[in-house]
Amino acid sequence: MTNQHYHPKILGFLCNWCCYTAADSAGVGRYQYPPNLRVIRIMCTGRLDPSFPLEALAGGADGVFVGGCHPGECHYQDGNYHALVSAALVHEMLARVGVSRERFLIDWASAAEGPNFVKIITAFTKQTEQLGPLGLAENIPAESLRLRLNQAAEAARERKIRTGLINASREMFKSGDFSRKNIAQLVQAKCEKALDEMTAQADSQ
């Protein structure tokens, strides 16, 4: 299968207070955007378990979007900063199992930013459409990638990686550097041993 005229399946985890409301206001305002998104409403992006996007891709989604409040505007103070740490782990795991990092996106839209939500989802849908079904852009059999994704999801639930994420979050707040580059480096450093074990297991399949 090629990606020409492919209609991707996108799963979205949207914050109840901001991004979900933005999506709702976009609908009320009759803004047009691709109908590929299927939404799961969560109270805060900080409650998103990093295993969820991995399981979603293993289960048939072509892309996963996480949308919340802008940093500094979280209804629960710092939930979206914790979400950035989880997102950095997801991106690192995707890269290690051979899945395009572009299949996962975390971004922000306030409750009043319906047009911004439409812009984000339209761009992400087009990007996922270009990637095509799982395995096409990666040039790896889809079943192999699904197996690796399920293994990654299982690893993301284990104590070693959970402890690493906690330590990465602590370092992030201690440094006051909330840039995605810094967060990615912290996650890599704090979870490196557990991630290496996961990669070795995936490579042995």
Protein backbone atom coordinates (compact mmCIF):
# COMPACT_ATOMS: atom_id res chain seq x y z
CA MET A 1 0.00 0.00 0.00
CA THR A 2 1.23 3.51 -0.80
CA ASN A 3 0.32 6.70 1.01
CA GLN A 4 -1.47 8.15 -2.03
CA HIS A 5 -5.04 9.05 -1.03
CA TYR A 6 -4.51 7.27 2.28
CA HIS A 7 -6.84 8.31 5.08
CA PRO A 8 -4.91 7.96 8.35
CA LYS A 9 -6.46 6.99 11.66
CA ILE A 10 -5.45 9.46 14.35
CA LEU A 11 -6.15 9.08 18.05
CA GLY A 12 -6.21 12.24 20.15
CA PHE A 13 -5.88 12.60 23.91
CA LEU A 14 -7.28 16.06 24.66
CA CYS A 15 -7.18 18.01 27.92
CA ASN A 16 -10.69 18.66 29.22
CA TRP A 17 -10.03 22.30 30.11
CA CYS A 18 -8.26 23.60 27.02
CA CYS A 19 -7.73 21.52 23.90
CA TYR A 20 -11.00 19.58 24.13
CA THR A 21 -12.85 22.86 24.58
CA ALA A 22 -10.91 24.33 21.64
CA ALA A 23 -12.04 21.39 19.50
CA ASP A 24 -15.60 21.93 20.64
CA SER A 25 -15.49 25.65 19.87
CA ALA A 26 -14.04 24.84 16.43
CA GLY A 27 -17.06 22.65 15.78
CA VAL A 28 -19.50 25.30 17.02
CA GLY A 29 -17.73 27.87 14.84
CA ARG A 30 -18.05 25.51 11.85
CA TYR A 31 -14.32 25.47 11.16
CA GLN A 32 -13.40 22.77 8.71
CA TYR A 33 -10.68 20.26 9.52
CA PRO A 34 -9.96 16.63 8.55
CA PRO A 35 -12.35 14.09 10.12
CA ASN A 36 -9.57 11.59 10.87
CA LEU A 37 -9.26 12.42 14.57
CA ARG A 38 -10.90 10.22 17.20
CA VAL A 39 -10.87 11.87 20.60
CA ILE A 40 -10.37 10.61 24.14
CA ARG A 41 -10.98 13.34 26.69
CA ILE A 42 -8.67 13.33 29.71
CA MET A 43 -8.71 15.72 32.65
CA CYS A 44 -5.07 16.75 32.13
CA THR A 45 -2.27 15.83 29.75
CA GLY A 46 -0.22 15.13 32.87
CA ARG A 47 -2.40 12.07 33.44
CA LEU A 48 -1.44 10.55 30.11
CA ASP A 49 0.48 7.35 30.66
CA PRO A 50 3.40 7.10 28.19
CA SER A 51 2.33 3.55 27.37
CA PHE A 52 -0.97 4.79 25.88
CA PRO A 53 0.39 6.32 22.62
CA LEU A 54 2.59 3.25 22.08
CA GLU A 55 -0.39 0.93 22.56
CA ALA A 56 -2.50 3.09 20.25
CA LEU A 57 0.03 2.79 17.42
CA ALA A 58 0.38 -0.94 18.04
CA GLY A 59 -3.40 -1.24 17.92
CA GLY A 60 -3.90 0.36 14.53
CA ALA A 61 -3.58 4.13 14.85
CA ASP A 62 -1.38 5.82 12.26
CA GLY A 63 -0.70 8.82 14.47
CA VAL A 64 -1.32 9.97 18.03
CA PHE A 65 -1.93 13.57 19.11
CA VAL A 66 -1.84 14.89 22.66
CA GLY A 67 -3.30 18.35 23.16
CA GLY A 68 -3.42 20.44 26.29
CA CYS A 69 -3.14 23.88 27.86
CA HIS A 70 -0.18 26.10 27.10
CA PRO A 71 2.70 25.64 29.55
CA GLY A 72 2.12 27.88 32.55
CA GLU A 73 -1.66 27.77 32.07
CA CYS A 74 -2.38 24.22 33.27
CA HIS A 75 -5.57 23.86 35.29
CA TYR A 76 -3.56 21.64 37.64
CA GLN A 77 -0.52 23.96 37.75
CA ASP A 78 2.22 21.84 36.19
CA GLY A 79 0.52 18.84 34.57
CA ASN A 80 1.54 19.78 31.05
CA TYR A 81 5.20 20.01 32.06
CA HIS A 82 5.00 16.41 33.26
CA ALA A 83 3.30 15.60 29.94
CA LEU A 84 6.34 16.94 28.10
CA VAL A 85 8.52 14.50 30.03
CA SER A 86 6.24 11.59 29.11
CA ALA A 87 6.15 12.78 25.49
CA ALA A 88 9.96 12.87 25.35
CA LEU A 89 10.00 9.25 26.50
CA VAL A 90 7.47 8.26 23.81
CA HIS A 91 9.54 9.95 21.10
CA GLU A 92 12.71 8.25 22.33
CA MET A 93 11.02 4.85 22.42
CA LEU A 94 9.57 5.29 18.94
CA ALA A 95 12.99 6.09 17.55
CA ARG A 96 14.53 3.07 19.26
CA VAL A 97 11.96 0.58 17.93
CA GLY A 98 12.15 1.97 14.39
CA VAL A 99 8.88 3.93 14.24
CA SER A 100 8.87 7.45 12.84
CA ARG A 101 8.83 10.04 15.63
CA GLU A 102 6.52 12.12 13.44
CA ARG A 103 3.66 9.75 14.24
CA PHE A 104 3.38 11.31 17.69
CA LEU A 105 2.74 14.97 18.51
CA ILE A 106 2.11 16.95 21.68
CA ASP A 107 0.96 20.54 21.25
CA TRP A 108 -1.15 23.22 22.90
CA ALA A 109 -4.38 25.10 22.22
CA SER A 110 -6.27 27.12 24.82
CA ALA A 111 -10.04 26.96 25.13
CA ALA A 112 -10.35 30.13 23.03
CA GLU A 113 -8.05 28.90 20.26
CA GLY A 114 -10.37 26.92 18.05
CA PRO A 115 -8.64 28.13 14.85
CA ASN A 116 -5.23 27.17 16.28
CA PHE A 117 -6.53 23.68 17.10
CA VAL A 118 -7.75 23.33 13.51
CA LYS A 119 -4.35 24.43 12.20
CA ILE A 120 -2.49 21.92 14.39
CA ILE A 121 -4.75 18.97 13.54
CA THR A 122 -4.82 19.77 9.82
CA ALA A 123 -1.02 19.88 9.65
CA PHE A 124 -0.61 16.71 11.72
CA THR A 125 -3.16 14.84 9.62
CA LYS A 126 -1.37 15.83 6.41
CA GLN A 127 1.96 14.76 7.92
CA THR A 128 0.54 11.39 9.01
CA GLU A 129 -1.06 10.93 5.60
CA GLN A 130 2.37 11.32 4.01
CA LEU A 131 3.79 8.68 6.36
CA GLY A 132 1.05 6.25 5.39
CA PRO A 133 0.14 3.12 7.36
CA LEU A 134 2.53 1.82 9.99
CA GLY A 135 5.59 0.32 8.34
CA LEU A 136 5.44 2.20 5.04
CA ALA A 137 7.60 5.20 5.97
CA GLU A 138 9.68 3.00 8.25
CA ASN A 139 10.27 0.36 5.57
CA ILE A 140 9.78 -2.33 8.22
CA PRO A 141 6.96 -4.92 8.27
CA ALA A 142 3.98 -3.59 10.25
CA GLU A 143 3.65 -6.74 12.35
CA SER A 144 7.24 -6.45 13.46
CA LEU A 145 6.70 -2.83 14.46
CA ARG A 146 3.50 -3.69 16.35
CA LEU A 147 5.38 -6.31 18.34
CA ARG A 148 8.12 -3.81 19.16
CA LEU A 149 5.56 -1.16 20.13
CA ASN A 150 3.80 -3.54 22.50
CA GLN A 151 7.15 -4.39 24.07
CA ALA A 152 7.91 -0.67 24.41
CA ALA A 153 4.52 -0.06 26.05
CA GLU A 154 5.23 -2.84 28.53
CA ALA A 155 8.66 -1.38 29.28
CA ALA A 156 7.11 2.08 29.79
CA ARG A 157 5.01 0.65 32.61
CA GLU A 158 7.96 -0.90 34.42
CA ARG A 159 9.50 0.52 37.57
CA LYS A 160 12.91 1.34 36.08
CA ILE A 161 11.52 3.73 33.50
CA ARG A 162 8.92 5.18 35.89
CA THR A 163 11.70 6.02 38.33
CA GLY A 164 13.71 7.57 35.51
CA LEU A 165 10.77 9.77 34.52
CA ILE A 166 10.31 10.96 38.10
CA ASN A 167 13.97 11.86 38.32
CA ALA A 168 13.84 13.62 34.94
CA SER A 169 10.86 15.70 36.10
CA ARG A 170 12.68 16.67 39.29
CA GLU A 171 15.74 17.77 37.34
CA MET A 172 13.56 19.73 34.92
CA PHE A 173 11.90 21.73 37.68
CA LYS A 174 15.20 22.17 39.52
CA SER A 175 16.90 23.62 36.45
CA GLY A 176 13.91 25.69 35.36
CA ASP A 177 14.69 24.77 31.76
CA PHE A 178 11.45 23.56 30.17
CA SER A 179 12.71 23.45 26.60
CA ARG A 180 11.92 20.26 24.72
CA LYS A 181 15.59 19.77 23.94
CA ASN A 182 16.55 19.83 27.63
CA ILE A 183 13.67 17.55 28.60
CA ALA A 184 14.64 15.03 25.91
CA GLN A 185 18.22 15.01 27.18
CA LEU A 186 17.07 14.49 30.78
CA VAL A 187 14.82 11.59 29.80
CA GLN A 188 17.61 9.96 27.80
CA ALA A 189 20.03 10.33 30.71
CA LYS A 190 17.69 9.15 33.47
CA CYS A 191 16.17 6.25 31.52
CA GLU A 192 19.19 5.24 29.45
CA LYS A 193 19.88 1.86 31.07
CA ALA A 194 16.25 0.73 30.90
CA LEU A 195 15.93 2.01 27.32
CA ASP A 196 19.08 0.16 26.30
CA GLU A 197 17.61 -3.06 27.71
CA MET A 198 14.40 -2.48 25.76
CA THR A 199 16.35 -1.81 22.56
CA ALA A 200 18.43 -4.95 22.98
CA GLN A 201 15.27 -7.00 23.44
CA ALA A 202 13.66 -5.47 20.33
CA ASP A 203 16.80 -6.11 18.25
CA SER A 204 16.83 -9.76 19.31
CA GLN A 205 13.38 -10.38 17.81
